Protein backbone atom coordinates (compact mmCIF):
# COMPACT_ATOMS: atom_id res chain seq x y z
CA UNK A 1 0.00 0.00 0.00
CA UNK A 2 2.77 2.43 0.92
CA UNK A 3 4.67 1.58 -2.29
CA UNK A 4 1.53 2.24 -4.34
CA UNK A 5 0.98 5.54 -2.55
CA UNK A 6 4.55 6.67 -3.23
CA UNK A 7 4.55 5.49 -6.86
CA UNK A 8 1.39 7.44 -7.67
CA UNK A 9 2.52 10.61 -5.93
CA UNK A 10 6.20 10.57 -6.95
CA UNK A 11 5.25 10.22 -10.63
CA UNK A 12 3.04 13.35 -10.74
CA UNK A 13 4.36 16.32 -12.65
CA UNK A 14 4.09 18.47 -9.49
CA UNK A 15 6.60 16.26 -7.72
CA UNK A 16 8.83 15.46 -10.74
CA UNK A 17 9.17 19.12 -11.57
CA UNK A 18 9.86 20.15 -7.98
CA UNK A 19 12.30 22.99 -7.65
CA UNK A 20 15.32 22.37 -5.51
CA UNK A 21 16.83 25.27 -3.55
CA UNK A 22 20.35 26.18 -4.67
CA UNK A 23 22.71 29.16 -4.60
CA UNK A 24 20.64 31.20 -7.08
CA UNK A 25 17.40 30.20 -5.44
CA UNK A 26 18.13 29.69 -1.77
CA UNK A 27 14.58 29.37 -0.40
CA UNK A 28 11.28 28.07 -1.83
CA UNK A 29 7.81 28.43 -0.32
CA UNK A 30 5.70 25.26 -0.54
CA UNK A 31 2.02 25.95 -0.98
CA UNK A 32 -0.92 23.53 -1.05
CA UNK A 33 0.63 20.48 0.64
CA UNK A 34 -2.35 19.41 2.75
CA UNK A 35 -2.38 16.88 5.55
CA UNK A 36 0.36 14.25 5.41
CA UNK A 37 1.11 14.98 1.74
CA UNK A 38 3.75 17.33 3.16
CA UNK A 39 5.46 14.27 4.69
CA UNK A 40 5.46 12.54 1.31
CA UNK A 41 7.19 15.56 -0.20
CA UNK A 42 9.95 15.08 2.40
CA UNK A 43 10.30 11.38 1.62
CA UNK A 44 10.48 12.34 -2.09
CA UNK A 45 13.48 14.54 -1.33
CA UNK A 46 15.14 11.67 0.52
CA UNK A 47 14.32 8.71 -1.74
CA UNK A 48 14.21 10.23 -5.22
CA UNK A 49 16.50 13.25 -4.99
CA UNK A 50 18.82 11.46 -2.53
CA UNK A 51 19.07 14.50 -0.23
CA UNK A 52 19.36 14.49 3.58
CA UNK A 53 16.55 16.56 5.07
CA UNK A 54 16.37 18.54 8.31
CA UNK A 55 12.79 19.14 9.39
CA UNK A 56 12.41 22.08 11.79
CA UNK A 57 9.24 22.93 13.64
CA UNK A 58 8.22 25.25 16.44
CA UNK A 59 7.04 22.68 19.00
CA UNK A 60 7.53 19.11 20.17
CA UNK A 61 4.00 18.00 19.32
CA UNK A 62 4.40 18.83 15.62
CA UNK A 63 7.84 17.22 15.57
CA UNK A 64 6.49 13.98 17.02
CA UNK A 65 3.65 13.85 14.46
CA UNK A 66 5.99 14.31 11.50
CA UNK A 67 8.37 11.73 13.05
CA UNK A 68 5.47 9.23 13.28
CA UNK A 69 4.46 9.83 9.67
CA UNK A 70 8.01 9.49 8.42
CA UNK A 71 8.42 6.15 10.17
CA UNK A 72 5.30 4.84 8.39
CA UNK A 73 6.78 5.88 5.05
CA UNK A 74 10.49 5.25 5.51
CA UNK A 75 12.72 2.69 7.13
CA UNK A 76 13.01 3.69 10.81
CA UNK A 77 16.79 3.74 10.47
CA UNK A 78 16.40 6.73 8.11
CA UNK A 79 14.44 8.82 10.64
CA UNK A 80 15.95 10.32 13.79
CA UNK A 81 14.44 12.73 16.28
CA UNK A 82 16.38 15.32 18.29
CA UNK A 83 13.93 16.41 21.00
CA UNK A 84 14.15 19.22 23.50
CA UNK A 85 14.50 18.25 27.17
CA UNK A 86 10.96 19.60 27.79
CA UNK A 87 12.10 21.92 30.54
CA UNK A 88 12.55 25.65 30.99
CA UNK A 89 15.95 27.26 30.18
CA UNK A 90 18.62 26.82 32.88
CA UNK A 91 16.74 23.97 34.52
CA UNK A 92 19.58 21.66 35.53
CA UNK A 93 17.57 18.72 36.83
CA UNK A 94 18.67 15.40 35.47
CA UNK A 95 17.21 14.95 31.97
CA UNK A 96 14.66 12.33 31.10
CA UNK A 97 16.92 9.44 29.91
CA UNK A 98 14.52 8.58 27.08
CA UNK A 99 14.97 12.05 25.67
CA UNK A 100 18.72 11.92 26.23
CA UNK A 101 18.85 8.59 24.42
CA UNK A 102 17.13 10.11 21.37
CA UNK A 103 19.46 13.11 21.36
CA UNK A 104 22.64 11.04 21.56
CA UNK A 105 21.44 8.63 18.91
CA UNK A 106 20.72 11.59 16.62
CA UNK A 107 24.25 12.98 17.08
CA UNK A 108 25.67 9.52 16.41
CA UNK A 109 23.55 9.20 13.24
CA UNK A 110 24.73 12.59 12.03
CA UNK A 111 28.42 11.86 12.52
CA UNK A 112 28.12 8.41 10.93
CA UNK A 113 26.03 9.22 7.84
CA UNK A 114 23.78 12.28 8.16
CA UNK A 115 21.40 10.75 5.61
CA UNK A 116 17.63 10.37 5.89
CA UNK A 117 15.52 12.85 7.89
CA UNK A 118 16.44 14.60 11.13
CA UNK A 119 13.46 16.06 12.99
CA UNK A 120 13.91 18.73 15.66
CA UNK A 121 12.35 21.79 17.27
CA UNK A 122 13.24 25.39 18.11
CA UNK A 123 14.41 24.34 21.59
CA UNK A 124 16.38 21.48 20.10
CA UNK A 125 18.16 23.58 17.50
CA UNK A 126 18.93 26.37 19.98
CA UNK A 127 20.55 24.14 22.64
CA UNK A 128 24.31 23.83 22.66
CA UNK A 129 25.81 20.41 21.95
CA UNK A 130 29.38 19.09 21.88
CA UNK A 131 31.30 20.01 18.77
CA UNK A 132 31.38 16.96 16.46
CA UNK A 133 35.07 16.27 17.01
CA UNK A 134 34.67 16.10 20.80
CA UNK A 135 31.60 13.90 20.53
CA UNK A 136 33.49 11.44 18.35
CA UNK A 137 36.61 11.56 20.57
CA UNK A 138 34.59 10.63 23.67
CA UNK A 139 32.76 7.66 22.15
CA UNK A 140 33.84 4.37 23.59
CA UNK A 141 33.46 1.02 21.79
CA UNK A 142 34.46 -2.19 23.61
CA UNK A 143 34.55 -5.85 22.56
CA UNK A 144 35.09 -9.15 24.28
CA UNK A 145 38.77 -10.31 24.26
CA UNK A 146 39.98 -6.77 23.59
CA UNK A 147 42.64 -5.22 25.79
CA UNK A 148 42.12 -1.95 27.69
CA UNK A 149 44.16 -0.52 30.50
CA UNK A 150 41.73 -0.86 33.44
CA UNK A 151 42.39 2.55 35.08
CA UNK A 152 42.25 4.35 31.72
CA UNK A 153 38.99 2.60 30.97
CA UNK A 154 37.48 4.09 34.14
CA UNK A 155 38.92 7.52 33.34
CA UNK A 156 37.47 7.43 29.84
CA UNK A 157 34.04 6.59 31.26
CA UNK A 158 34.15 9.61 33.54
CA UNK A 159 35.37 11.83 30.69
CA UNK A 160 32.38 10.66 28.65
CA UNK A 161 29.98 11.90 31.34
CA UNK A 162 29.34 8.71 33.34
CA UNK A 163 29.11 9.05 37.14
CA UNK A 164 30.58 6.50 39.53
CA UNK A 165 28.09 5.21 42.11
CA UNK A 166 27.95 2.42 44.70
CA UNK A 167 25.32 0.52 42.72
CA UNK A 168 24.07 0.97 39.16
CA UNK A 169 20.41 1.95 39.22
CA UNK A 170 20.26 4.90 36.85
CA UNK A 171 21.33 5.45 33.27
CA UNK A 172 24.62 7.30 32.93
CA UNK A 173 26.19 5.65 36.00
CA UNK A 174 28.81 2.94 36.64
CA UNK A 175 30.22 0.99 39.56
CA UNK A 176 33.40 -0.99 40.13
CA UNK A 177 33.80 -4.22 42.08
CA UNK A 178 37.25 -5.70 41.71
CA UNK A 179 37.69 -6.49 38.03
CA UNK A 180 34.00 -6.07 37.23
CA UNK A 181 32.50 -2.83 35.93
CA UNK A 182 28.75 -2.33 35.80
CA UNK A 183 27.63 0.47 33.42
CA UNK A 184 24.21 1.74 32.39
CA UNK A 185 24.76 3.29 28.92
CA UNK A 186 22.50 6.19 27.89
CA UNK A 187 21.44 4.38 24.73
CA UNK A 188 20.85 0.87 26.11
CA UNK A 189 17.66 -0.69 27.48
CA UNK A 190 19.63 -2.60 30.12
CA UNK A 191 22.89 -1.98 31.98
CA UNK A 192 25.95 -4.06 31.09
CA UNK A 193 28.43 -5.94 33.23
CA UNK A 194 32.01 -6.01 31.90
CA UNK A 195 34.39 -8.52 33.48
CA UNK A 196 38.14 -7.93 33.19
CA UNK A 197 40.95 -10.41 33.65
CA UNK A 198 43.91 -8.10 34.05
CA UNK A 199 43.56 -5.62 31.19
CA UNK A 200 41.59 -7.97 28.93
CA UNK A 201 37.78 -8.09 28.73
CA UNK A 202 36.65 -11.66 29.37
CA UNK A 203 32.88 -11.15 29.06
CA UNK A 204 30.16 -8.58 28.57
CA UNK A 205 26.63 -9.32 29.81
CA UNK A 206 23.43 -7.34 30.11
CA UNK A 207 21.75 -7.52 33.50
CA UNK A 208 18.48 -6.65 35.22
CA UNK A 209 18.74 -3.27 36.97
CA UNK A 210 16.33 -4.37 39.76
CA UNK A 211 17.46 -7.93 40.50
CA UNK A 212 21.05 -7.27 39.32
CA UNK A 213 20.98 -10.70 37.63
CA UNK A 214 22.62 -11.33 34.27
CA UNK A 215 20.40 -11.59 31.19
CA UNK A 216 22.39 -12.20 28.02
CA UNK A 217 26.00 -12.42 26.91
CA UNK A 218 26.94 -9.92 24.19
CA UNK A 219 30.10 -9.47 22.14
CA UNK A 220 30.38 -5.69 22.06
CA UNK A 221 28.87 -2.49 23.42
CA UNK A 222 29.14 1.20 22.55
CA UNK A 223 29.11 4.09 25.02
CA UNK A 224 28.01 7.43 23.66
CA UNK A 225 29.11 10.49 25.68
CA UNK A 226 26.95 12.85 27.67
CA UNK A 227 29.43 15.68 28.04
CA UNK A 228 29.37 18.42 30.66
CA UNK A 229 28.13 21.86 29.75
CA UNK A 230 31.61 23.30 29.40
CA UNK A 231 32.19 20.80 26.59
CA UNK A 232 29.04 21.88 24.73
CA UNK A 233 30.40 24.71 22.62
CA UNK A 234 28.94 23.51 19.33
CA UNK A 235 25.57 23.58 17.64
CA UNK A 236 23.46 21.05 15.81
CA UNK A 237 24.06 22.94 12.56
CA UNK A 238 27.71 21.82 12.68
CA UNK A 239 26.55 18.19 12.33
CA UNK A 240 24.45 18.76 9.22
CA UNK A 241 25.71 17.60 5.83
CA UNK A 242 26.62 20.28 3.30
CA UNK A 243 24.08 18.68 1.01
CA UNK A 244 21.25 18.91 3.54
CA UNK A 245 17.96 20.61 2.70
CA UNK A 246 15.97 22.33 5.42
CA UNK A 247 12.18 22.07 5.57
CA UNK A 248 10.78 24.59 8.04
CA UNK A 249 7.17 24.21 9.13
CA UNK A 250 5.14 27.45 9.43
CA UNK A 251 8.11 29.77 9.03
CA UNK A 252 6.45 32.73 10.74
CA UNK A 253 5.45 30.72 13.79
CA UNK A 254 8.95 29.18 13.82
CA UNK A 255 10.61 32.61 13.84
CA UNK A 256 8.23 33.86 16.56
CA UNK A 257 9.10 30.84 18.66
CA UNK A 258 12.83 31.48 18.24
CA UNK A 259 12.35 35.04 19.53
CA UNK A 260 10.13 34.01 22.46
CA UNK A 261 12.51 31.19 23.49
CA UNK A 262 15.42 33.65 23.51
CA UNK A 263 13.35 35.91 25.76
CA UNK A 264 12.75 32.94 28.09
CA UNK A 265 16.49 32.20 28.19
CA UNK A 266 17.37 35.77 29.13
CA UNK A 267 14.58 35.95 31.70
CA UNK A 268 15.72 32.72 33.39
CA UNK A 269 19.34 33.93 33.39
CA UNK A 270 18.44 37.26 35.01
CA UNK A 271 16.29 35.52 37.59
CA UNK A 272 19.22 33.33 38.67
CA UNK A 273 21.49 36.38 38.92
CA UNK A 274 18.91 38.09 41.15
CA UNK A 275 19.12 35.02 43.44
CA UNK A 276 22.95 35.29 43.56
CA UNK A 277 23.38 32.26 41.36
CA UNK A 278 25.87 32.74 38.56
CA UNK A 279 25.34 30.22 35.76
CA UNK A 280 27.00 30.09 32.35
CA UNK A 281 26.16 33.02 30.12
CA UNK A 282 23.30 32.45 27.68
CA UNK A 283 25.70 32.31 24.69
CA UNK A 284 27.54 29.41 26.37
CA UNK A 285 24.42 27.28 26.64
CA UNK A 286 22.12 28.41 23.83
CA UNK A 287 22.17 29.89 20.35
CA UNK A 288 20.65 33.37 20.11
CA UNK A 289 18.15 34.28 17.39
CA UNK A 290 20.80 35.97 15.22
CA UNK A 291 22.93 32.85 15.26
CA UNK A 292 19.92 30.73 14.37
CA UNK A 293 18.98 32.98 11.45
CA UNK A 294 22.57 33.08 10.21
CA UNK A 295 22.85 29.28 10.28
CA UNK A 296 19.48 28.82 8.58
CA UNK A 297 20.54 31.10 5.75
CA UNK A 298 23.56 28.87 5.09
CA UNK A 299 21.33 25.97 3.96
CA UNK A 300 18.90 25.67 1.03
CA UNK A 301 15.43 25.72 2.54
CA UNK A 302 11.79 24.91 1.89
CA UNK A 303 9.30 26.94 3.89
CA UNK A 304 5.66 26.12 4.63
CA UNK A 305 2.95 28.19 6.26
CA UNK A 306 -0.56 29.48 6.00
CA UNK A 307 0.58 32.79 4.47
CA UNK A 308 2.97 32.88 1.51
CA UNK A 309 6.16 34.87 1.90
CA UNK A 310 6.19 37.61 -0.77
CA UNK A 311 9.92 37.52 -1.61
CA UNK A 312 10.11 33.74 -2.05
CA UNK A 313 9.69 31.60 -5.11
CA UNK A 314 6.47 29.63 -4.66
CA UNK A 315 5.82 26.01 -5.62
CA UNK A 316 2.14 25.13 -5.65
CA UNK A 317 0.42 21.76 -5.18
CA UNK A 318 -3.27 21.14 -5.83
CA UNK A 319 -4.40 19.12 -2.84
CA UNK A 320 -7.22 19.38 -0.31
CA UNK A 321 -8.21 17.85 3.01
CA UNK A 322 -10.92 15.14 3.03
CA UNK A 323 -14.35 15.94 4.46
CA UNK A 324 -15.07 15.20 8.10
CA UNK A 325 -17.30 12.25 8.86
CA UNK A 326 -17.44 12.49 12.69
CA UNK A 327 -18.18 8.77 12.90
CA UNK A 328 -21.24 8.97 10.62
CA UNK A 329 -20.80 5.94 8.38
CA UNK A 330 -23.60 6.93 5.98
CA UNK A 331 -21.59 10.05 5.10
CA UNK A 332 -18.54 7.85 4.49
CA UNK A 333 -20.51 5.44 2.28
CA UNK A 334 -21.91 8.28 0.15
CA UNK A 335 -18.48 9.84 -0.19
CA UNK A 336 -16.87 6.55 -1.25
CA UNK A 337 -19.57 6.01 -3.88
CA UNK A 338 -18.96 9.48 -5.27
CA UNK A 339 -15.16 9.02 -5.26
CA UNK A 340 -15.48 5.68 -7.02
CA UNK A 341 -17.59 7.26 -9.74
CA UNK A 342 -15.04 10.03 -10.26
CA UNK A 343 -12.26 7.44 -10.66
CA UNK A 344 -10.43 8.51 -7.52
CA UNK A 345 -8.50 5.69 -5.79
CA UNK A 346 -9.29 5.72 -2.06
CA UNK A 347 -6.78 4.34 0.46
CA UNK A 348 -8.05 3.87 4.02
CA UNK A 349 -5.23 3.55 6.55
CA UNK A 350 -5.83 2.04 9.98
CA UNK A 351 -3.88 2.13 13.21
CA UNK A 352 -4.29 -1.60 13.87
CA UNK A 353 -5.01 -4.89 12.16
CA UNK A 354 -8.21 -5.25 14.14
CA UNK A 355 -9.48 -1.87 12.99
CA UNK A 356 -8.54 -2.65 9.36
CA UNK A 357 -10.50 -5.91 9.48
CA UNK A 358 -13.48 -4.13 11.01
CA UNK A 359 -13.56 -1.45 8.30
CA UNK A 360 -13.12 -4.07 5.56
CA UNK A 361 -16.14 -5.98 6.95
CA UNK A 362 -18.23 -2.81 7.11
CA UNK A 363 -17.43 -1.97 3.48
CA UNK A 364 -18.18 -5.53 2.39
CA UNK A 365 -21.58 -5.41 4.10
CA UNK A 366 -22.35 -2.25 2.11
CA UNK A 367 -21.05 -3.74 -1.17
CA UNK A 368 -18.29 -1.14 -1.18
CA UNK A 369 -15.30 -3.51 -0.89
CA UNK A 370 -14.06 -2.29 -4.27
CA UNK A 371 -14.51 1.40 -3.36
CA UNK A 372 -11.38 1.54 -1.15
CA UNK A 373 -8.22 -0.31 -0.28
CA UNK A 374 -7.77 -0.86 3.44
CA UNK A 375 -4.34 -1.29 5.08
CA UNK A 376 -2.58 -1.15 8.42
CA UNK A 377 -0.25 1.75 9.15
CA UNK A 378 -1.86 5.18 9.35
CA UNK A 379 -0.49 8.64 8.73
CA UNK A 380 -1.67 11.41 11.03
CA UNK A 381 -3.75 13.25 8.41
CA UNK A 382 -5.49 12.26 5.24
CA UNK A 383 -5.43 14.26 1.97
CA UNK A 384 -6.95 14.40 -1.48
CA UNK A 385 -4.49 14.69 -4.37
CA UNK A 386 -6.42 14.59 -7.68
CA UNK A 387 -3.27 14.86 -9.82
CA UNK A 388 -2.20 11.45 -8.51
CA UNK A 389 -5.75 10.14 -8.82
CA UNK A 390 -5.94 9.19 -5.16
CA UNK A 391 -6.97 10.21 -1.68
CA UNK A 392 -5.93 8.96 1.76
CA UNK A 393 -8.44 8.59 4.59
CA UNK A 394 -7.44 7.53 8.11
CA UNK A 395 -9.58 5.54 10.51
CA UNK A 396 -9.00 7.93 13.42
CA UNK A 397 -10.22 10.83 11.33
CA UNK A 398 -13.21 8.90 10.01
CA UNK A 399 -14.34 8.04 13.54
CA UNK A 400 -13.18 11.35 15.01
CA UNK A 401 -10.75 9.67 17.40
CA UNK A 402 -7.39 10.72 18.77
CA UNK A 403 -4.57 8.93 16.98
CA UNK A 404 -2.47 6.94 19.36
CA UNK A 405 0.99 8.43 19.35
CA UNK A 406 4.18 6.51 19.34
CA UNK A 407 5.80 6.88 22.77
CA UNK A 408 9.46 7.48 23.47
CA UNK A 409 11.63 4.37 23.73
CA UNK A 410 11.37 3.22 27.33
CA UNK A 411 14.05 1.65 29.45
CA UNK A 412 13.29 -1.92 30.39
CA UNK A 413 12.31 -2.66 33.99
CA UNK A 414 10.29 0.53 34.20
CA UNK A 415 10.37 4.12 33.10
CA UNK A 416 12.97 6.32 34.73
CA UNK A 417 13.16 5.86 38.49
CA UNK A 418 15.90 7.92 40.07
CA UNK A 419 16.40 5.28 42.75
CA UNK A 420 14.23 2.27 43.47
CA UNK A 421 15.52 2.13 47.02
CA UNK A 422 14.06 5.61 47.66
CA UNK A 423 10.54 4.15 47.36
CA UNK A 424 8.80 3.18 50.60
CA UNK A 425 5.88 0.82 50.90
CA UNK A 426 2.58 2.59 50.09
CA UNK A 427 4.29 5.60 48.51
CA UNK A 428 2.15 7.23 45.85
CA UNK A 429 3.64 6.95 42.35
CA UNK A 430 2.46 7.94 38.86
CA UNK A 431 2.37 5.35 36.09
CA UNK A 432 2.84 6.77 32.60
CA UNK A 433 -0.26 4.90 31.28
CA UNK A 434 -2.46 4.08 34.29
CA UNK A 435 -2.08 7.18 36.44
CA UNK A 436 -1.72 7.40 40.24
CA UNK A 437 -1.20 4.32 42.34
CA UNK A 438 0.54 3.04 45.49
CA UNK A 439 3.84 1.19 45.61
CA UNK A 440 3.29 -2.32 47.09
CA UNK A 441 6.77 -3.74 46.59
CA UNK A 442 8.15 -6.10 43.93
CA UNK A 443 6.47 -9.11 42.41
CA UNK A 444 7.97 -11.80 40.19
CA UNK A 445 5.92 -12.36 37.01
CA UNK A 446 6.40 -15.24 34.59
CA UNK A 447 6.18 -14.39 30.90
CA UNK A 448 6.71 -17.38 28.65
CA UNK A 449 9.99 -19.00 29.65
CA UNK A 450 11.32 -15.96 31.51
CA UNK A 451 10.73 -14.42 34.90
CA UNK A 452 10.87 -10.68 35.63
CA UNK A 453 10.63 -8.63 38.79
CA UNK A 454 8.09 -5.86 38.39
CA UNK A 455 6.86 -3.06 40.60
CA UNK A 456 3.51 -3.87 42.19
């Protein structure tokens, strides 16, 4: 279904004659890309024009939606997301490890290939990061049977931002017991236990952070650095390929957000000074709006928005949004009949196999099974693109439901707990899916052939 969708759209004259920003035409305004057709334009740049794309948006919600759409259309390895830490400027609380994991993986992707699509926000692009050379220098890759000087190994871990503790409970920490080093990498689901014999690594095993028992033997592991603030003198722009194309969503809103975030940074800085706290200067932690504008101007860019920019070359696409059905199936049936008569191919995308089967049965009961093709894997928004002779409808829009969002990668054995030992019996805790509950200790649960200790 996805291949059919791409083939139809990519072969239209609107897409095949797409202008590409270059030195003589640095920026192009995209007009008429409705719904998730905009995402297909991005995948066209990646797959057909073979260009790396940086998608910039003003907020995290929009970034996550475009990330979800891209992962439906592209191999997940070609889509990376550099989120903000979702906190106010100068907030130095420990970051959410799931967000840190995404950020470090994005930097690693950029230094290794830089291809595909990188999605980020105003807060993401304005935060300082290590310069690429330092990030690469502080990566650490270890293999079984390799030789490392033990004391230098520990020093390198600390230089890469890992903190030595008595017991490994949190990501970004390590502990030493004789010739055994336990480490919880920022980008791993489980901590690892590395056993040395002299200066040679004899074994590497993952282990359960709660029970501390070994899980699996592995041959190698990579440690990506989380460097201190004083090491973060670079910007994300320095990681981008020279061939990269920028796609900026709602350019006016984006620019407004850059200005307002800079105001937030300055306000937070002045507040700390008034409290006799002297943090790093704003320029040492964040890019200012002038630096952002200057860096944006260095890359060829596509802009989108509700209002066309007068000075920009415009590229227009004839597409519309589908009608709303609000769960009224009779409206849907009438619309499908009309679309069939007009020769428009209708693709109905569903969030789950169960939902796809349900819709297929409903259409069959109404003798409309040949009026639409139903598949699993839904974009966020449907669209009508007559030039390609097709339209996309989504089940969540048909039934006026909220589309379930893809969540951040979670660490096994529970979402981030700063310290399990800090929980007392009957403490109130908040579960990310089920809400408020009370901690009743640990319980061993059997799942298939394995056992796992879970919080009760």
